[in-house]
Protein backbone atom coordinates (compact mmCIF):
# COMPACT_ATOMS: atom_id res chain seq x y z
CA MET A 1 -52.41 -43.87 -29.08
CA ALA A 2 -49.12 -42.30 -27.77
CA VAL A 3 -46.54 -41.72 -30.52
CA THR A 4 -43.04 -40.21 -30.80
CA ARG A 5 -43.11 -36.51 -31.36
CA ILE A 6 -40.28 -34.46 -32.75
CA LYS A 7 -39.83 -30.85 -31.55
CA CYS A 8 -37.23 -28.08 -32.28
CA ARG A 9 -35.94 -25.85 -29.48
CA ILE A 10 -33.69 -22.86 -30.27
CA GLU A 11 -31.11 -22.08 -27.53
CA GLY A 12 -29.26 -18.99 -28.68
CA GLU A 13 -27.30 -20.06 -31.75
CA VAL A 14 -27.90 -23.83 -31.02
CA ALA A 15 -30.90 -25.66 -32.52
CA VAL A 16 -31.89 -28.76 -30.65
CA ILE A 17 -34.08 -31.29 -32.41
CA HIS A 18 -35.55 -33.50 -29.82
CA LEU A 19 -37.15 -36.93 -30.36
CA GLU A 20 -39.75 -37.25 -27.62
CA PRO A 21 -41.12 -40.88 -27.23
CA PRO A 22 -44.04 -41.83 -24.98
CA GLU A 23 -42.96 -42.48 -21.43
CA GLY A 24 -41.10 -45.71 -21.07
CA LYS A 25 -40.97 -46.31 -24.81
CA PRO A 26 -38.26 -45.84 -27.41
CA PRO A 27 -38.51 -43.19 -30.19
CA THR A 28 -39.77 -44.82 -33.37
CA LEU A 29 -40.43 -43.43 -36.90
CA ASP A 30 -43.51 -43.23 -39.12
CA GLY A 31 -44.77 -40.85 -41.83
CA ASP A 32 -46.06 -38.24 -39.32
CA VAL A 33 -42.78 -38.28 -37.33
CA LEU A 34 -40.79 -37.82 -40.48
CA GLY A 35 -43.13 -34.93 -41.32
CA GLU A 36 -42.38 -33.41 -37.96
CA LEU A 37 -38.66 -33.78 -38.53
CA GLU A 38 -39.04 -31.96 -41.86
CA SER A 39 -40.92 -29.09 -40.09
CA CYS A 40 -38.07 -28.90 -37.55
CA ILE A 41 -35.48 -28.83 -40.35
CA GLU A 42 -37.43 -25.98 -42.05
CA GLU A 43 -37.46 -24.09 -38.72
CA VAL A 44 -33.68 -24.48 -38.35
CA LEU A 45 -33.25 -22.89 -41.80
CA ARG A 46 -35.53 -19.89 -40.90
CA GLN A 47 -33.66 -19.39 -37.52
CA ARG A 48 -30.22 -19.39 -39.12
CA SER A 49 -28.70 -21.44 -36.19
CA ARG A 50 -25.11 -22.10 -36.10
CA ILE A 51 -25.18 -25.65 -35.07
CA VAL A 52 -27.91 -28.42 -34.69
CA TRP A 53 -27.96 -31.14 -32.15
CA VAL A 54 -30.26 -34.12 -32.81
CA ARG A 55 -31.04 -36.17 -29.60
CA SER A 56 -33.74 -38.11 -27.68
CA THR A 57 -35.30 -37.18 -24.47
CA SER A 58 -34.78 -40.84 -23.47
CA GLU A 59 -31.37 -41.86 -22.11
CA ARG A 60 -32.09 -45.60 -22.93
CA PHE A 61 -33.00 -45.07 -26.66
CA PHE A 62 -31.90 -42.69 -29.42
CA CYS A 63 -34.24 -44.28 -31.91
CA VAL A 64 -35.11 -47.80 -32.93
CA GLY A 65 -36.41 -47.31 -36.39
CA ALA A 66 -39.90 -47.89 -37.84
CA ASN A 67 -42.84 -48.31 -35.42
CA ILE A 68 -44.96 -51.50 -35.52
CA ASN A 69 -47.85 -49.69 -37.21
CA VAL A 70 -45.60 -48.93 -40.31
CA LEU A 71 -44.45 -52.57 -40.35
CA GLN A 72 -48.00 -53.88 -40.12
CA HIS A 73 -49.12 -51.88 -43.15
CA THR A 74 -45.91 -52.25 -45.25
CA ASP A 75 -46.37 -54.05 -48.56
CA GLU A 76 -45.07 -53.85 -52.15
CA LYS A 77 -47.14 -50.74 -52.82
CA THR A 78 -46.38 -48.84 -49.73
CA ILE A 79 -42.67 -49.57 -49.36
CA ILE A 80 -41.44 -47.31 -52.14
CA PRO A 81 -43.23 -44.11 -50.93
CA TRP A 82 -41.94 -44.91 -47.34
CA VAL A 83 -38.45 -45.37 -48.53
CA MET A 84 -38.46 -42.24 -50.68
CA GLN A 85 -39.92 -40.01 -47.88
CA GLY A 86 -37.28 -41.14 -45.53
CA HIS A 87 -34.54 -40.44 -48.14
CA ARG A 88 -36.02 -36.93 -48.79
CA VAL A 89 -36.22 -36.02 -45.17
CA LEU A 90 -32.82 -37.33 -44.08
CA ASN A 91 -31.21 -35.66 -47.11
CA MET A 92 -32.75 -32.45 -46.06
CA LEU A 93 -31.02 -33.08 -42.56
CA GLU A 94 -27.76 -33.80 -44.27
CA ASP A 95 -27.89 -30.66 -46.41
CA LEU A 96 -28.53 -28.25 -43.57
CA PRO A 97 -25.77 -25.60 -44.15
CA VAL A 98 -24.47 -25.88 -40.62
CA PRO A 99 -22.88 -28.68 -38.62
CA VAL A 100 -25.43 -31.17 -37.32
CA VAL A 101 -24.42 -33.58 -34.46
CA ALA A 102 -26.35 -36.77 -33.51
CA VAL A 103 -26.15 -37.15 -29.69
CA VAL A 104 -26.68 -40.81 -29.22
CA GLU A 105 -27.50 -42.33 -25.90
CA GLY A 106 -28.79 -45.98 -25.72
CA TYR A 107 -29.88 -47.80 -28.74
CA ALA A 108 -29.75 -46.53 -32.29
CA MET A 109 -30.98 -49.28 -34.52
CA GLY A 110 -32.17 -49.55 -38.19
CA GLY A 111 -33.74 -46.33 -39.19
CA GLY A 112 -32.65 -44.80 -35.99
CA LEU A 113 -28.94 -45.35 -36.99
CA GLU A 114 -29.76 -44.10 -40.46
CA LEU A 115 -31.03 -40.95 -38.81
CA ALA A 116 -27.77 -40.53 -36.81
CA MET A 117 -25.60 -41.20 -39.86
CA ALA A 118 -27.44 -38.42 -41.81
CA CYS A 119 -25.89 -36.04 -39.33
CA ASP A 120 -22.42 -34.66 -39.88
CA LEU A 121 -21.10 -36.16 -36.70
CA ILE A 122 -22.23 -38.78 -34.12
CA PHE A 123 -21.27 -38.24 -30.43
CA ALA A 124 -22.13 -41.26 -28.33
CA SER A 125 -22.27 -41.94 -24.65
CA ASP A 126 -20.86 -45.04 -23.03
CA ASN A 127 -24.29 -46.81 -23.04
CA ALA A 128 -24.78 -46.40 -26.78
CA GLN A 129 -25.45 -49.62 -28.81
CA LEU A 130 -25.77 -49.21 -32.57
CA ALA A 131 -26.79 -51.84 -35.21
CA HIS A 132 -28.13 -52.21 -38.73
CA SER A 133 -30.55 -54.95 -37.72
CA GLU A 134 -32.79 -55.06 -40.78
CA ALA A 135 -31.62 -58.43 -41.95
CA THR A 136 -33.27 -60.04 -38.97
CA LEU A 137 -36.62 -59.11 -40.53
CA GLY A 138 -35.51 -59.67 -44.11
CA PHE A 139 -35.09 -55.98 -45.19
CA VAL A 140 -32.26 -53.80 -46.49
CA PRO A 141 -31.56 -50.35 -45.02
CA GLY A 142 -33.98 -48.03 -46.72
CA TRP A 143 -32.96 -44.47 -45.86
CA GLY A 144 -29.33 -44.29 -47.17
CA GLY A 145 -27.96 -46.63 -44.67
CA THR A 146 -26.11 -48.78 -47.18
CA ARG A 147 -24.22 -45.72 -48.54
CA ARG A 148 -23.71 -43.86 -45.31
CA LEU A 149 -22.54 -46.93 -43.40
CA ALA A 150 -19.91 -47.83 -46.00
CA ALA A 151 -18.76 -44.22 -46.18
CA ARG A 152 -18.06 -44.19 -42.44
CA ILE A 153 -16.49 -47.58 -41.86
CA GLY A 154 -15.62 -48.94 -45.29
CA ALA A 155 -17.48 -51.51 -47.51
CA SER A 156 -15.95 -54.60 -45.86
CA LYS A 157 -16.92 -53.62 -42.24
CA ALA A 158 -20.24 -52.50 -43.49
CA LYS A 159 -20.96 -55.94 -44.85
CA TYR A 160 -19.67 -57.60 -41.64
CA TYR A 161 -21.97 -55.67 -39.34
CA TYR A 162 -24.96 -55.81 -41.65
CA TYR A 163 -24.65 -59.39 -42.52
CA SER A 164 -24.33 -60.30 -38.80
CA GLY A 165 -26.71 -57.67 -37.38
CA LYS A 166 -24.07 -57.40 -34.62
CA MET A 167 -24.66 -54.70 -31.95
CA ILE A 168 -21.78 -52.31 -31.73
CA ASP A 169 -20.91 -50.63 -28.38
CA ALA A 170 -19.87 -47.01 -28.29
CA HIS A 171 -16.15 -47.58 -27.88
CA LYS A 172 -16.01 -50.13 -30.64
CA ALA A 173 -18.02 -47.76 -32.83
CA ALA A 174 -15.51 -44.99 -32.19
CA GLU A 175 -12.68 -47.39 -32.96
CA ILE A 176 -14.03 -48.31 -36.43
CA GLY A 177 -15.22 -44.74 -37.30
CA LEU A 178 -18.90 -45.24 -36.96
CA VAL A 179 -19.07 -42.60 -34.25
CA ASP A 180 -16.81 -39.57 -33.82
CA PHE A 181 -16.73 -39.41 -30.05
CA ALA A 182 -17.53 -41.85 -27.26
CA GLY A 183 -17.41 -41.24 -23.50
CA SER A 184 -19.37 -41.03 -20.29
CA LYS A 185 -22.40 -38.82 -20.01
CA ALA A 186 -20.31 -36.08 -18.43
CA GLU A 187 -17.58 -36.37 -21.08
CA LEU A 188 -20.17 -36.42 -23.90
CA GLU A 189 -21.76 -33.17 -22.68
CA ASN A 190 -18.33 -31.64 -22.30
CA GLU A 191 -17.31 -32.56 -25.78
CA LEU A 192 -20.63 -31.42 -27.18
CA ASN A 193 -20.30 -28.00 -25.55
CA GLN A 194 -16.60 -27.45 -26.43
CA PHE A 195 -17.21 -28.40 -30.08
CA THR A 196 -20.34 -26.25 -30.26
CA ALA A 197 -18.27 -23.30 -28.92
CA SER A 198 -15.50 -23.89 -31.45
CA VAL A 199 -18.08 -23.95 -34.33
CA ILE A 200 -19.67 -20.73 -33.24
CA ALA A 201 -16.29 -19.04 -32.92
CA ASN A 202 -15.47 -19.87 -36.52
CA ASN A 203 -16.68 -18.29 -39.71
CA ARG A 204 -20.28 -19.44 -40.67
CA ASN A 205 -19.87 -18.96 -44.41
CA ALA A 206 -16.54 -20.97 -44.54
CA ILE A 207 -18.14 -23.85 -42.70
CA CYS A 208 -21.24 -23.73 -44.91
CA GLN A 209 -19.14 -23.65 -48.06
CA PHE A 210 -16.87 -26.57 -46.84
CA LYS A 211 -19.88 -28.62 -46.12
CA ALA A 212 -21.48 -27.78 -49.53
CA ILE A 213 -18.36 -28.96 -51.40
CA LEU A 214 -18.30 -32.30 -49.59
CA ASN A 215 -22.06 -32.86 -49.98
CA ASP A 216 -22.01 -31.92 -53.72
CA GLN A 217 -19.38 -34.63 -54.35
CA GLN A 218 -21.74 -37.15 -52.94
CA ARG A 219 -25.05 -36.02 -54.50
CA GLN A 220 -25.18 -38.22 -57.61
CA GLY A 221 -24.35 -41.30 -55.67
CA ARG A 222 -26.95 -40.27 -53.00
CA ASP A 223 -29.72 -40.15 -55.62
CA GLU A 224 -28.67 -43.45 -57.16
CA ASN A 225 -28.69 -45.12 -53.68
CA ALA A 226 -32.20 -43.88 -52.99
CA ALA A 227 -33.43 -45.63 -56.16
CA ALA A 228 -31.44 -48.85 -55.46
CA GLU A 229 -32.77 -49.08 -51.89
CA ALA A 230 -36.35 -48.64 -52.98
CA PHE A 231 -35.98 -51.30 -55.74
CA ARG A 232 -34.24 -53.75 -53.36
CA SER A 233 -36.93 -53.08 -50.63
CA VAL A 234 -39.66 -54.30 -53.06
CA SER A 235 -37.61 -57.40 -53.77
CA CYS A 236 -37.41 -58.07 -50.06
CA LEU A 237 -41.19 -57.83 -49.62
CA GLN A 238 -41.55 -60.53 -52.40
CA ASP A 239 -39.55 -62.92 -50.31
CA PRO A 240 -41.78 -65.39 -48.37
CA ASP A 241 -39.15 -65.69 -45.60
CA THR A 242 -39.28 -61.79 -45.10
CA LEU A 243 -43.11 -61.91 -44.92
CA GLN A 244 -42.94 -64.73 -42.25
CA ARG A 245 -40.23 -62.89 -40.27
CA LEU A 246 -42.29 -59.69 -40.30
CA HIS A 247 -45.45 -61.60 -39.24
CA ASP A 248 -43.56 -63.23 -36.30
CA PHE A 249 -42.08 -59.98 -35.28
CA ILE A 250 -45.49 -58.21 -35.27
CA THR A 251 -47.16 -61.13 -33.62
CA LYS A 252 -44.54 -61.19 -30.79
CA LYS A 253 -44.88 -57.37 -30.34
CA GLY A 254 -48.53 -57.71 -30.13
CA ARG A 255 -48.34 -59.99 -27.22
CA LYS A 256 -46.31 -57.66 -25.06
């Protein structure tokens, strides 16, 4: 079965982490994909790149979260290891000692949005659509989404967009602070290249130390958030409505 792959390419002082879905499919996440992401992060550390871009080879989808096989086998016993693996790997991405930019084109939903928010910055193209859509299936965000979403847009707006599951287009996302840049494909690439040049021109150690200070201030809350999301995820899977929603979603996908 064709699955998403994650590969790291070094281009001079820039490391590009690419999500590569099967042709015509969106990038999705499972344990193996997270393992590949972890290997890419370790490769970035070995190469001592100055900046990292995280992007998809698809212009229609950045990442839409867990794949259907994960959902089919998720239960009260498997949910905690799944949540904790996601936290561990996304925290590694967040802790890289260089700037990390998510380049979002198309849909970034659920775990895909959590992946983008684990990066320092999110640059989005005009066609980007972002959402925390977990409530439609009866789940809570499981990889730091509750903490990172509120940190970016404030607790009140985080509640609004999670409760409603409302899709947020690129320019609205920039307006509320969910993304840091929004523009056309050409404008996005220009901003990405200009920002990268600025980073490379500045002092590597100063940037590293600045990032470490900010991340250290958040570390205790991050660890507590991981435990809370794992606990609340088990509660979700004990809800009959969640189980029915999950069954309906898997059955619908299976018919396609």
